[in-house]
PDB file of N, CA and C in Angstrom:
ATOM      1  N   MET A   1      26.482 125.190 -61.981  1.00  0.00           N
ATOM      2  CA  MET A   1      25.669 124.016 -61.807  1.00  0.00           C
ATOM      3  C   MET A   1      24.514 123.993 -62.805  1.00  0.00           C
ATOM      4  N   VAL A   2      23.804 125.107 -62.949  1.00  0.00           N
ATOM      5  CA  VAL A   2      22.688 125.170 -63.893  1.00  0.00           C
ATOM      6  C   VAL A   2      23.198 125.019 -65.321  1.00  0.00           C
ATOM      7  N   GLN A   3      24.362 125.608 -65.613  1.00  0.00           N
ATOM      8  CA  GLN A   3      24.941 125.484 -66.945  1.00  0.00           C
ATOM      9  C   GLN A   3      25.173 124.014 -67.286  1.00  0.00           C
ATOM     10  N   LYS A   4      25.713 123.262 -66.356  1.00  0.00           N
ATOM     11  CA  LYS A   4      25.981 121.837 -66.592  1.00  0.00           C
ATOM     12  C   LYS A   4      24.685 121.051 -66.763  1.00  0.00           C
ATOM     13  N   GLN A   5      23.636 121.409 -66.022  1.00  0.00           N
ATOM     14  CA  GLN A   5      22.350 120.727 -66.167  1.00  0.00           C
ATOM     15  C   GLN A   5      21.783 120.951 -67.568  1.00  0.00           C
ATOM     16  N   ILE A   6      21.824 122.190 -68.034  1.00  0.00           N
ATOM     17  CA  ILE A   6      21.297 122.504 -69.371  1.00  0.00           C
ATOM     18  C   ILE A   6      22.124 121.805 -70.440  1.00  0.00           C
ATOM     19  N   GLN A   7      23.433 121.793 -70.277  1.00  0.00           N
ATOM     20  CA  GLN A   7      24.297 121.111 -71.241  1.00  0.00           C
ATOM     21  C   GLN A   7      23.964 119.627 -71.290  1.00  0.00           C
ATOM     22  N   GLY A   8      23.642 119.034 -70.153  1.00  0.00           N
ATOM     23  CA  GLY A   8      23.283 117.632 -70.123  1.00  0.00           C
ATOM     24  C   GLY A   8      21.948 117.359 -70.803  1.00  0.00           C
ATOM     25  N   ILE A   9      20.992 118.240 -70.586  1.00  0.00           N
ATOM     26  CA  ILE A   9      19.664 118.070 -71.178  1.00  0.00           C
ATOM     27  C   ILE A   9      19.710 118.229 -72.695  1.00  0.00           C
ATOM     28  N   LEU A  10      20.438 119.248 -73.164  1.00  0.00           N
ATOM     29  CA  LEU A  10      20.472 119.548 -74.599  1.00  0.00           C
ATOM     30  C   LEU A  10      21.683 118.940 -75.316  1.00  0.00           C
ATOM     31  N   HIS A  11      22.538 118.242 -74.590  1.00  0.00           N
ATOM     32  CA  HIS A  11      23.679 117.511 -75.161  1.00  0.00           C
ATOM     33  C   HIS A  11      24.645 118.412 -75.947  1.00  0.00           C
ATOM     34  N   PHE A  12      25.245 119.363 -75.233  1.00  0.00           N
ATOM     35  CA  PHE A  12      26.282 120.192 -75.836  1.00  0.00           C
ATOM     36  C   PHE A  12      27.290 120.575 -74.760  1.00  0.00           C
ATOM     37  N   ASP A  13      28.463 120.997 -75.196  1.00  0.00           N
ATOM     38  CA  ASP A  13      29.506 121.468 -74.280  1.00  0.00           C
ATOM     39  C   ASP A  13      29.886 122.876 -74.708  1.00  0.00           C
ATOM     40  N   ILE A  14      29.598 123.820 -73.864  1.00  0.00           N
ATOM     41  CA  ILE A  14      29.829 125.225 -74.214  1.00  0.00           C
ATOM     42  C   ILE A  14      31.309 125.511 -74.436  1.00  0.00           C
ATOM     43  N   ARG A  15      32.184 124.791 -73.757  1.00  0.00           N
ATOM     44  CA  ARG A  15      33.625 125.023 -73.938  1.00  0.00           C
ATOM     45  C   ARG A  15      34.095 124.654 -75.339  1.00  0.00           C
ATOM     46  N   GLU A  16      33.387 123.728 -75.990  1.00  0.00           N
ATOM     47  CA  GLU A  16      33.738 123.360 -77.362  1.00  0.00           C
ATOM     48  C   GLU A  16      33.158 124.354 -78.376  1.00  0.00           C
ATOM     49  N   MET A  17      32.132 125.082 -77.991  1.00  0.00           N
ATOM     50  CA  MET A  17      31.444 125.970 -78.929  1.00  0.00           C
ATOM     51  C   MET A  17      31.877 127.425 -78.801  1.00  0.00           C
ATOM     52  N   ARG A  18      32.225 127.858 -77.601  1.00  0.00           N
ATOM     53  CA  ARG A  18      32.575 129.254 -77.360  1.00  0.00           C
ATOM     54  C   ARG A  18      33.872 129.326 -76.566  1.00  0.00           C
ATOM     55  N   THR A  19      34.641 130.387 -76.808  1.00  0.00           N
ATOM     56  CA  THR A  19      35.920 130.516 -76.122  1.00  0.00           C
ATOM     57  C   THR A  19      35.885 131.506 -74.964  1.00  0.00           C
ATOM     58  N   PHE A  20      34.862 132.328 -74.861  1.00  0.00           N
ATOM     59  CA  PHE A  20      34.837 133.312 -73.790  1.00  0.00           C
ATOM     60  C   PHE A  20      34.426 132.656 -72.472  1.00  0.00           C
ATOM     61  N   PRO A  21      34.991 133.141 -71.364  1.00  0.00           N
ATOM     62  CA  PRO A  21      34.674 132.540 -70.058  1.00  0.00           C
ATOM     63  C   PRO A  21      33.289 132.986 -69.567  1.00  0.00           C
ATOM     64  N   LEU A  22      32.614 132.085 -68.896  1.00  0.00           N
ATOM     65  CA  LEU A  22      31.327 132.419 -68.289  1.00  0.00           C
ATOM     66  C   LEU A  22      31.535 132.755 -66.823  1.00  0.00           C
ATOM     67  N   LYS A  23      30.747 133.699 -66.344  1.00  0.00           N
ATOM     68  CA  LYS A  23      30.753 134.007 -64.926  1.00  0.00           C
ATOM     69  C   LYS A  23      29.963 132.914 -64.200  1.00  0.00           C
ATOM     70  N   ASN A  24      30.141 132.826 -62.908  1.00  0.00           N
ATOM     71  CA  ASN A  24      29.466 131.788 -62.134  1.00  0.00           C
ATOM     72  C   ASN A  24      27.944 131.920 -62.169  1.00  0.00           C
ATOM     73  N   ASN A  25      27.442 133.129 -62.336  1.00  0.00           N
ATOM     74  CA  ASN A  25      25.999 133.339 -62.323  1.00  0.00           C
ATOM     75  C   ASN A  25      25.392 133.375 -63.725  1.00  0.00           C
ATOM     76  N   GLU A  26      26.160 133.041 -64.745  1.00  0.00           N
ATOM     77  CA  GLU A  26      25.664 133.066 -66.125  1.00  0.00           C
ATOM     78  C   GLU A  26      25.337 131.663 -66.622  1.00  0.00           C
ATOM     79  N   VAL A  27      24.316 131.610 -67.465  1.00  0.00           N
ATOM     80  CA  VAL A  27      23.979 130.388 -68.185  1.00  0.00           C
ATOM     81  C   VAL A  27      23.868 130.784 -69.646  1.00  0.00           C
ATOM     82  N   TYR A  28      24.567 130.065 -70.511  1.00  0.00           N
ATOM     83  CA  TYR A  28      24.602 130.402 -71.925  1.00  0.00           C
ATOM     84  C   TYR A  28      24.131 129.207 -72.739  1.00  0.00           C
ATOM     85  N   VAL A  29      23.106 129.442 -73.558  1.00  0.00           N
ATOM     86  CA  VAL A  29      22.590 128.399 -74.449  1.00  0.00           C
ATOM     87  C   VAL A  29      22.630 128.967 -75.866  1.00  0.00           C
ATOM     88  N   PRO A  30      23.546 128.490 -76.696  1.00  0.00           N
ATOM     89  CA  PRO A  30      23.617 128.989 -78.072  1.00  0.00           C
ATOM     90  C   PRO A  30      22.353 128.624 -78.856  1.00  0.00           C
ATOM     91  N   PHE A  31      21.910 129.528 -79.716  1.00  0.00           N
ATOM     92  CA  PHE A  31      20.708 129.289 -80.509  1.00  0.00           C
ATOM     93  C   PHE A  31      20.845 128.055 -81.402  1.00  0.00           C
ATOM     94  N   GLU A  32      22.054 127.773 -81.876  1.00  0.00           N
ATOM     95  CA  GLU A  32      22.204 126.627 -82.774  1.00  0.00           C
ATOM     96  C   GLU A  32      21.950 125.290 -82.066  1.00  0.00           C
ATOM     97  N   VAL A  33      21.953 125.292 -80.733  1.00  0.00           N
ATOM     98  CA  VAL A  33      21.661 124.077 -79.971  1.00  0.00           C
ATOM     99  C   VAL A  33      20.149 123.811 -79.935  1.00  0.00           C
ATOM    100  N   ILE A  34      19.361 124.880 -79.972  1.00  0.00           N
ATOM    101  CA  ILE A  34      17.900 124.739 -79.915  1.00  0.00           C
ATOM    102  C   ILE A  34      17.408 124.605 -81.356  1.00  0.00           C
ATOM    103  N   ASP A  35      17.592 123.423 -81.919  1.00  0.00           N
ATOM    104  CA  ASP A  35      17.306 123.227 -83.334  1.00  0.00           C
ATOM    105  C   ASP A  35      16.028 122.429 -83.600  1.00  0.00           C
ATOM    106  N   SER A  36      15.231 122.220 -82.547  1.00  0.00           N
ATOM    107  CA  SER A  36      13.964 121.524 -82.748  1.00  0.00           C
ATOM    108  C   SER A  36      12.951 122.000 -81.717  1.00  0.00           C
ATOM    109  N   LYS A  37      11.708 121.734 -82.004  1.00  0.00           N
ATOM    110  CA  LYS A  37      10.631 122.112 -81.094  1.00  0.00           C
ATOM    111  C   LYS A  37      10.767 121.351 -79.774  1.00  0.00           C
ATOM    112  N   GLU A  38      11.207 120.118 -79.836  1.00  0.00           N
ATOM    113  CA  GLU A  38      11.369 119.302 -78.636  1.00  0.00           C
ATOM    114  C   GLU A  38      12.436 119.875 -77.710  1.00  0.00           C
ATOM    115  N   LYS A  39      13.551 120.307 -78.276  1.00  0.00           N
ATOM    116  CA  LYS A  39      14.610 120.900 -77.461  1.00  0.00           C
ATOM    117  C   LYS A  39      14.153 122.228 -76.861  1.00  0.00           C
ATOM    118  N   PHE A  40      13.402 122.998 -77.632  1.00  0.00           N
ATOM    119  CA  PHE A  40      12.875 124.251 -77.110  1.00  0.00           C
ATOM    120  C   PHE A  40      11.936 123.972 -75.938  1.00  0.00           C
ATOM    121  N   GLN A  41      11.110 122.952 -76.059  1.00  0.00           N
ATOM    122  CA  GLN A  41      10.175 122.591 -74.992  1.00  0.00           C
ATOM    123  C   GLN A  41      10.938 122.133 -73.746  1.00  0.00           C
ATOM    124  N   LEU A  42      12.000 121.350 -73.914  1.00  0.00           N
ATOM    125  CA  LEU A  42      12.827 120.933 -72.779  1.00  0.00           C
ATOM    126  C   LEU A  42      13.425 122.134 -72.058  1.00  0.00           C
ATOM    127  N   LEU A  43      13.933 123.080 -72.829  1.00  0.00           N
ATOM    128  CA  LEU A  43      14.519 124.282 -72.254  1.00  0.00           C
ATOM    129  C   LEU A  43      13.468 125.103 -71.524  1.00  0.00           C
ATOM    130  N   LYS A  44      12.316 125.244 -72.123  1.00  0.00           N
ATOM    131  CA  LYS A  44      11.219 126.001 -71.518  1.00  0.00           C
ATOM    132  C   LYS A  44      10.794 125.380 -70.185  1.00  0.00           C
ATOM    133  N   GLU A  45      10.638 124.069 -70.155  1.00  0.00           N
ATOM    134  CA  GLU A  45      10.249 123.374 -68.930  1.00  0.00           C
ATOM    135  C   GLU A  45      11.316 123.516 -67.849  1.00  0.00           C
ATOM    136  N   PHE A  46      12.581 123.440 -68.243  1.00  0.00           N
ATOM    137  CA  PHE A  46      13.672 123.589 -67.287  1.00  0.00           C
ATOM    138  C   PHE A  46      13.652 124.986 -66.670  1.00  0.00           C
ATOM    139  N   ILE A  47      13.469 125.996 -67.494  1.00  0.00           N
ATOM    140  CA  ILE A  47      13.440 127.378 -67.000  1.00  0.00           C
ATOM    141  C   ILE A  47      12.254 127.582 -66.062  1.00  0.00           C
ATOM    142  N   GLN A  48      11.101 127.058 -66.405  1.00  0.00           N
ATOM    143  CA  GLN A  48       9.931 127.189 -65.540  1.00  0.00           C
ATOM    144  C   GLN A  48      10.164 126.518 -64.190  1.00  0.00           C
ATOM    145  N   GLU A  49      10.775 125.350 -64.212  1.00  0.00           N
ATOM    146  CA  GLU A  49      11.048 124.630 -62.968  1.00  0.00           C
ATOM    147  C   GLU A  49      12.049 125.383 -62.101  1.00  0.00           C
ATOM    148  N   GLU A  50      13.117 125.884 -62.709  1.00  0.00           N
ATOM    149  CA  GLU A  50      14.121 126.626 -61.949  1.00  0.00           C
ATOM    150  C   GLU A  50      13.537 127.920 -61.386  1.00  0.00           C
ATOM    151  N   TYR A  51      12.695 128.593 -62.157  1.00  0.00           N
ATOM    152  CA  TYR A  51      12.060 129.824 -61.693  1.00  0.00           C
ATOM    153  C   TYR A  51      11.141 129.521 -60.502  1.00  0.00           C
ATOM    154  N   ALA A  52      10.378 128.457 -60.580  1.00  0.00           N
ATOM    155  CA  ALA A  52       9.488 128.068 -59.486  1.00  0.00           C
ATOM    156  C   ALA A  52      10.304 127.753 -58.235  1.00  0.00           C
ATOM    157  N   ASN A  53      11.418 127.063 -58.397  1.00  0.00           N
ATOM    158  CA  ASN A  53      12.296 126.774 -57.252  1.00  0.00           C
ATOM    159  C   ASN A  53      12.832 128.057 -56.630  1.00  0.00           C
ATOM    160  N   PHE A  54      13.201 129.023 -57.461  1.00  0.00           N
ATOM    161  CA  PHE A  54      13.732 130.295 -56.991  1.00  0.00           C
ATOM    162  C   PHE A  54      12.659 131.078 -56.236  1.00  0.00           C
ATOM    163  N   VAL A  55      11.461 131.130 -56.756  1.00  0.00           N
ATOM    164  CA  VAL A  55      10.377 131.891 -56.135  1.00  0.00           C
ATOM    165  C   VAL A  55       9.954 131.267 -54.806  1.00  0.00           C
ATOM    166  N   ASN A  56       9.995 129.947 -54.734  1.00  0.00           N
ATOM    167  CA  ASN A  56       9.525 129.253 -53.532  1.00  0.00           C
ATOM    168  C   ASN A  56      10.568 129.145 -52.431  1.00  0.00           C
ATOM    169  N   ARG A  57      11.705 129.752 -52.579  1.00  0.00           N
ATOM    170  CA  ARG A  57      12.745 129.711 -51.531  1.00  0.00           C
ATOM    171  C   ARG A  57      12.293 130.435 -50.298  1.00  0.00           C
TER     172      ARG A  57
END
């Protein structure tokens, strides 16, 4: 679920970029997708939000 959210935010499909299978608890963001400061900021904000949600459970 988190993988799909990140793919939607950064507009990429990991299945088109990598051939190895991901485990259910893994999230993979290739460095070539983070090609601007804006995308890095989006990723940073997403991680902070998800971490806050995890801590507040």
